[in-house]
Amino acid sequence: MSMSTNEALNLCKRLKNHYRAFEKIDELLKEASAARIFLKESLGQRESIEQEIVALAQKRDEASESCISMTREKEEAQRNLEEVTEKLARIKGEIAQIRERLERGKI
């Protein structure tokens, strides 16, 4: 079974096209492999970022609790200051009354 020149040329062209297709497939596989490596690294970075986000959320919660605690302490200090101010005003009033009595000679 012999092949004509045209048939041989056609077969060569087809083989050449198949070879080009395999080269293209090989390039695509290399790109896919590089993309896979990139995605794997990105996933690792994402996990690291997610861990940082969790740590920052914990710090935020701790800071929030600290703020609440400080606010309560401030409110208590304010109440104590008001009590002391009221007591001081009473004492000043009592002192004024004692001075007045002393000046009148009633003591």
N, C-alpha and C. Protein backbone atom coordinates (compact mmCIF):
# COMPACT_ATOMS: atom_id res chain seq x y z
N MET A 1 0.83 -1.16 0.00
CA MET A 1 0.00 0.00 0.00
C MET A 1 0.89 1.24 0.00
N SER A 2 0.91 1.88 -1.08
CA SER A 2 1.75 3.05 -1.19
C SER A 2 0.91 4.30 -1.12
N MET A 3 1.55 5.35 -0.66
CA MET A 3 0.88 6.63 -0.47
C MET A 3 1.31 7.59 -1.56
N SER A 4 0.36 8.40 -1.98
CA SER A 4 0.71 9.41 -2.96
C SER A 4 1.43 10.56 -2.26
N THR A 5 2.05 11.39 -3.04
CA THR A 5 2.77 12.53 -2.48
C THR A 5 1.82 13.46 -1.75
N ASN A 6 0.64 13.69 -2.31
CA ASN A 6 -0.35 14.54 -1.67
C ASN A 6 -0.81 13.97 -0.32
N GLU A 7 -1.02 12.67 -0.33
CA GLU A 7 -1.44 12.01 0.91
C GLU A 7 -0.33 12.13 1.97
N ALA A 8 0.90 11.95 1.54
CA ALA A 8 2.04 12.06 2.46
C ALA A 8 2.15 13.48 2.99
N LEU A 9 1.97 14.48 2.10
CA LEU A 9 2.02 15.87 2.53
C LEU A 9 0.88 16.19 3.51
N ASN A 10 -0.30 15.70 3.18
CA ASN A 10 -1.45 15.91 4.07
C ASN A 10 -1.20 15.28 5.43
N LEU A 11 -0.63 14.08 5.40
CA LEU A 11 -0.32 13.40 6.66
C LEU A 11 0.72 14.19 7.46
N CYS A 12 1.72 14.73 6.76
CA CYS A 12 2.75 15.55 7.43
C CYS A 12 2.13 16.80 8.03
N LYS A 13 1.21 17.43 7.29
CA LYS A 13 0.54 18.63 7.80
C LYS A 13 -0.28 18.30 9.05
N ARG A 14 -0.98 17.17 8.99
CA ARG A 14 -1.79 16.76 10.14
C ARG A 14 -0.90 16.46 11.35
N LEU A 15 0.21 15.78 11.09
CA LEU A 15 1.14 15.48 12.19
C LEU A 15 1.71 16.77 12.78
N LYS A 16 2.03 17.71 11.87
CA LYS A 16 2.57 19.00 12.32
C LYS A 16 1.52 19.73 13.17
N ASN A 17 0.26 19.71 12.72
CA ASN A 17 -0.83 20.34 13.49
C ASN A 17 -1.01 19.65 14.86
N HIS A 18 -0.92 18.33 14.87
CA HIS A 18 -1.03 17.58 16.13
C HIS A 18 0.13 17.94 17.06
N TYR A 19 1.32 18.05 16.48
CA TYR A 19 2.49 18.42 17.28
C TYR A 19 2.29 19.81 17.90
N ARG A 20 1.81 20.76 17.09
CA ARG A 20 1.54 22.11 17.60
C ARG A 20 0.49 22.06 18.72
N ALA A 21 -0.53 21.25 18.53
CA ALA A 21 -1.57 21.11 19.54
C ALA A 21 -0.98 20.56 20.83
N PHE A 22 -0.11 19.56 20.72
CA PHE A 22 0.53 19.01 21.92
C PHE A 22 1.44 20.03 22.59
N GLU A 23 2.14 20.83 21.78
CA GLU A 23 2.97 21.90 22.35
C GLU A 23 2.08 22.89 23.12
N LYS A 24 0.95 23.24 22.51
CA LYS A 24 0.02 24.17 23.16
C LYS A 24 -0.53 23.56 24.46
N ILE A 25 -0.87 22.28 24.42
CA ILE A 25 -1.35 21.58 25.62
C ILE A 25 -0.27 21.59 26.70
N ASP A 26 0.98 21.37 26.29
CA ASP A 26 2.09 21.38 27.23
C ASP A 26 2.24 22.76 27.87
N GLU A 27 2.12 23.83 27.06
CA GLU A 27 2.19 25.20 27.58
C GLU A 27 1.05 25.45 28.58
N LEU A 28 -0.15 25.01 28.21
CA LEU A 28 -1.31 25.20 29.09
C LEU A 28 -1.14 24.44 30.40
N LEU A 29 -0.58 23.25 30.34
CA LEU A 29 -0.33 22.47 31.55
C LEU A 29 0.69 23.17 32.45
N LYS A 30 1.73 23.74 31.85
CA LYS A 30 2.71 24.50 32.63
C LYS A 30 2.07 25.71 33.29
N GLU A 31 1.23 26.43 32.53
CA GLU A 31 0.52 27.59 33.08
C GLU A 31 -0.42 27.16 34.21
N ALA A 32 -1.11 26.04 34.01
CA ALA A 32 -2.03 25.54 35.04
C ALA A 32 -1.26 25.15 36.29
N SER A 33 -0.08 24.56 36.10
CA SER A 33 0.75 24.18 37.24
C SER A 33 1.21 25.42 38.00
N ALA A 34 1.64 26.44 37.26
CA ALA A 34 2.06 27.69 37.90
C ALA A 34 0.88 28.34 38.62
N ALA A 35 -0.29 28.31 37.98
CA ALA A 35 -1.49 28.89 38.61
C ALA A 35 -1.84 28.12 39.88
N ARG A 36 -1.70 26.81 39.84
CA ARG A 36 -1.98 25.98 41.02
C ARG A 36 -1.04 26.33 42.17
N ILE A 37 0.24 26.49 41.85
CA ILE A 37 1.23 26.87 42.87
C ILE A 37 0.87 28.24 43.43
N PHE A 38 0.51 29.19 42.55
CA PHE A 38 0.13 30.53 42.99
C PHE A 38 -1.09 30.47 43.91
N LEU A 39 -2.09 29.69 43.51
CA LEU A 39 -3.30 29.57 44.33
C LEU A 39 -3.00 28.93 45.68
N LYS A 40 -2.12 27.94 45.67
CA LYS A 40 -1.75 27.28 46.93
C LYS A 40 -1.05 28.29 47.85
N GLU A 41 -0.14 29.09 47.30
CA GLU A 41 0.52 30.12 48.09
C GLU A 41 -0.48 31.17 48.57
N SER A 42 -1.40 31.54 47.67
CA SER A 42 -2.42 32.52 48.03
C SER A 42 -3.31 31.99 49.16
N LEU A 43 -3.63 30.71 49.09
CA LEU A 43 -4.45 30.10 50.14
C LEU A 43 -3.71 30.15 51.47
N GLY A 44 -2.40 29.88 51.42
CA GLY A 44 -1.59 29.96 52.64
C GLY A 44 -1.59 31.37 53.19
N GLN A 45 -1.46 32.36 52.30
CA GLN A 45 -1.50 33.76 52.73
C GLN A 45 -2.88 34.10 53.28
N ARG A 46 -3.91 33.58 52.64
CA ARG A 46 -5.28 33.85 53.10
C ARG A 46 -5.46 33.30 54.51
N GLU A 47 -5.00 32.07 54.74
CA GLU A 47 -5.13 31.48 56.07
C GLU A 47 -4.37 32.31 57.10
N SER A 48 -3.19 32.78 56.71
CA SER A 48 -2.41 33.64 57.61
C SER A 48 -3.15 34.94 57.90
N ILE A 49 -3.74 35.53 56.87
CA ILE A 49 -4.50 36.77 57.04
C ILE A 49 -5.72 36.52 57.93
N GLU A 50 -6.39 35.38 57.71
CA GLU A 50 -7.55 35.05 58.54
C GLU A 50 -7.15 34.91 60.01
N GLN A 51 -5.99 34.31 60.25
CA GLN A 51 -5.50 34.17 61.63
C GLN A 51 -5.21 35.55 62.23
N GLU A 52 -4.63 36.44 61.42
CA GLU A 52 -4.37 37.80 61.90
C GLU A 52 -5.67 38.52 62.21
N ILE A 53 -6.69 38.31 61.37
CA ILE A 53 -7.99 38.94 61.60
C ILE A 53 -8.59 38.44 62.91
N VAL A 54 -8.50 37.14 63.15
CA VAL A 54 -9.02 36.58 64.41
C VAL A 54 -8.27 37.18 65.60
N ALA A 55 -6.94 37.28 65.49
CA ALA A 55 -6.14 37.86 66.58
C ALA A 55 -6.52 39.32 66.81
N LEU A 56 -6.71 40.07 65.73
CA LEU A 56 -7.11 41.48 65.86
C LEU A 56 -8.51 41.60 66.46
N ALA A 57 -9.40 40.70 66.10
CA ALA A 57 -10.75 40.73 66.68
C ALA A 57 -10.69 40.46 68.18
N GLN A 58 -9.82 39.54 68.58
CA GLN A 58 -9.66 39.25 70.01
C GLN A 58 -9.11 40.48 70.74
N LYS A 59 -8.12 41.14 70.13
CA LYS A 59 -7.56 42.35 70.74
C LYS A 59 -8.61 43.44 70.83
N ARG A 60 -9.44 43.56 69.78
CA ARG A 60 -10.52 44.55 69.79
C ARG A 60 -11.49 44.26 70.92
N ASP A 61 -11.84 42.98 71.09
CA ASP A 61 -12.76 42.60 72.16
C ASP A 61 -12.17 42.90 73.53
N GLU A 62 -10.88 42.61 73.69
CA GLU A 62 -10.20 42.90 74.95
C GLU A 62 -10.19 44.41 75.22
N ALA A 63 -9.90 45.18 74.17
CA ALA A 63 -9.87 46.64 74.31
C ALA A 63 -11.27 47.17 74.65
N SER A 64 -12.27 46.57 74.05
CA SER A 64 -13.65 46.98 74.32
C SER A 64 -14.00 46.69 75.78
N GLU A 65 -13.64 45.52 76.25
CA GLU A 65 -13.89 45.16 77.65
C GLU A 65 -13.14 46.11 78.58
N SER A 66 -11.92 46.43 78.22
CA SER A 66 -11.12 47.36 79.02
C SER A 66 -11.78 48.74 79.06
N CYS A 67 -12.29 49.18 77.91
CA CYS A 67 -12.98 50.48 77.84
C CYS A 67 -14.21 50.47 78.73
N ILE A 68 -14.98 49.40 78.67
CA ILE A 68 -16.18 49.29 79.50
C ILE A 68 -15.80 49.36 80.97
N SER A 69 -14.74 48.62 81.33
CA SER A 69 -14.27 48.62 82.72
C SER A 69 -13.82 50.01 83.15
N MET A 70 -13.06 50.69 82.27
CA MET A 70 -12.59 52.04 82.59
C MET A 70 -13.76 53.01 82.71
N THR A 71 -14.76 52.84 81.88
CA THR A 71 -15.94 53.71 81.94
C THR A 71 -16.65 53.52 83.28
N ARG A 72 -16.77 52.27 83.70
CA ARG A 72 -17.40 52.00 85.00
C ARG A 72 -16.59 52.63 86.14
N GLU A 73 -15.27 52.47 86.05
CA GLU A 73 -14.40 53.06 87.08
C GLU A 73 -14.53 54.59 87.08
N LYS A 74 -14.61 55.17 85.91
CA LYS A 74 -14.77 56.62 85.79
C LYS A 74 -16.09 57.06 86.41
N GLU A 75 -17.16 56.32 86.11
CA GLU A 75 -18.48 56.65 86.66
C GLU A 75 -18.45 56.55 88.19
N GLU A 76 -17.79 55.51 88.71
CA GLU A 76 -17.68 55.35 90.16
C GLU A 76 -16.87 56.49 90.76
N ALA A 77 -15.78 56.86 90.11
CA ALA A 77 -14.96 57.97 90.59
C ALA A 77 -15.77 59.27 90.57
N GLN A 78 -16.58 59.45 89.54
CA GLN A 78 -17.43 60.64 89.44
C GLN A 78 -18.43 60.68 90.59
N ARG A 79 -19.04 59.52 90.89
CA ARG A 79 -19.99 59.46 92.02
C ARG A 79 -19.26 59.78 93.33
N ASN A 80 -18.08 59.20 93.50
CA ASN A 80 -17.30 59.46 94.72
C ASN A 80 -16.96 60.95 94.83
N LEU A 81 -16.58 61.55 93.72
CA LEU A 81 -16.25 62.98 93.70
C LEU A 81 -17.47 63.81 94.09
N GLU A 82 -18.63 63.43 93.56
CA GLU A 82 -19.86 64.15 93.89
C GLU A 82 -20.17 64.03 95.39
N GLU A 83 -19.98 62.82 95.94
CA GLU A 83 -20.22 62.62 97.38
C GLU A 83 -19.27 63.48 98.21
N VAL A 84 -17.98 63.46 97.83
CA VAL A 84 -16.99 64.24 98.56
C VAL A 84 -17.31 65.74 98.44
N THR A 85 -17.72 66.17 97.25
CA THR A 85 -18.07 67.58 97.05
C THR A 85 -19.24 67.96 97.94
N GLU A 86 -20.25 67.09 98.02
CA GLU A 86 -21.41 67.35 98.89
C GLU A 86 -20.98 67.42 100.36
N LYS A 87 -20.15 66.48 100.79
CA LYS A 87 -19.66 66.47 102.17
C LYS A 87 -18.85 67.74 102.46
N LEU A 88 -18.01 68.12 101.51
CA LEU A 88 -17.19 69.32 101.67
C LEU A 88 -18.09 70.56 101.79
N ALA A 89 -19.13 70.60 100.99
CA ALA A 89 -20.07 71.73 101.06
C ALA A 89 -20.75 71.77 102.43
N ARG A 90 -21.14 70.62 102.96
CA ARG A 90 -21.76 70.55 104.30
C ARG A 90 -20.78 71.02 105.37
N ILE A 91 -19.54 70.52 105.25
CA ILE A 91 -18.52 70.91 106.24
C ILE A 91 -18.28 72.41 106.18
N LYS A 92 -18.19 72.97 104.96
CA LYS A 92 -18.00 74.41 104.83
C LYS A 92 -19.17 75.16 105.46
N GLY A 93 -20.38 74.63 105.25
CA GLY A 93 -21.56 75.24 105.87
C GLY A 93 -21.48 75.20 107.38
N GLU A 94 -21.08 74.05 107.92
CA GLU A 94 -20.95 73.91 109.37
C GLU A 94 -19.87 74.86 109.91
N ILE A 95 -18.75 74.96 109.17
CA ILE A 95 -17.68 75.87 109.59
C ILE A 95 -18.20 77.31 109.59
N ALA A 96 -18.95 77.66 108.58
CA ALA A 96 -19.50 79.03 108.50
C ALA A 96 -20.43 79.28 109.68
N GLN A 97 -21.23 78.28 110.05
CA GLN A 97 -22.13 78.44 111.20
C GLN A 97 -21.33 78.60 112.49
N ILE A 98 -20.28 77.81 112.64
CA ILE A 98 -19.44 77.89 113.85
C ILE A 98 -18.78 79.26 113.93
N ARG A 99 -18.26 79.76 112.82
CA ARG A 99 -17.64 81.09 112.79
C ARG A 99 -18.66 82.16 113.20
N GLU A 100 -19.85 82.01 112.64
CA GLU A 100 -20.90 82.98 112.94
C GLU A 100 -21.23 82.97 114.44
N ARG A 101 -21.31 81.79 115.04
CA ARG A 101 -21.57 81.68 116.47
C ARG A 101 -20.43 82.28 117.29
N LEU A 102 -19.19 81.99 116.82
CA LEU A 102 -18.03 82.54 117.52
C LEU A 102 -18.06 84.07 117.48
N GLU A 103 -18.39 84.62 116.32
CA GLU A 103 -18.43 86.08 116.19
C GLU A 103 -19.54 86.67 117.05
N ARG A 104 -20.61 85.97 117.23
CA ARG A 104 -21.71 86.46 118.07
C ARG A 104 -21.45 86.22 119.54
N GLY A 105 -20.45 85.40 119.77
CA GLY A 105 -20.10 85.11 121.16
C GLY A 105 -20.98 84.05 121.79
N LYS A 106 -21.58 83.26 120.98
CA LYS A 106 -22.47 82.23 121.51
C LYS A 106 -21.72 80.95 121.84
N ILE A 107 -20.47 80.88 121.49
CA ILE A 107 -19.70 79.68 121.84
C ILE A 107 -18.60 80.08 122.78
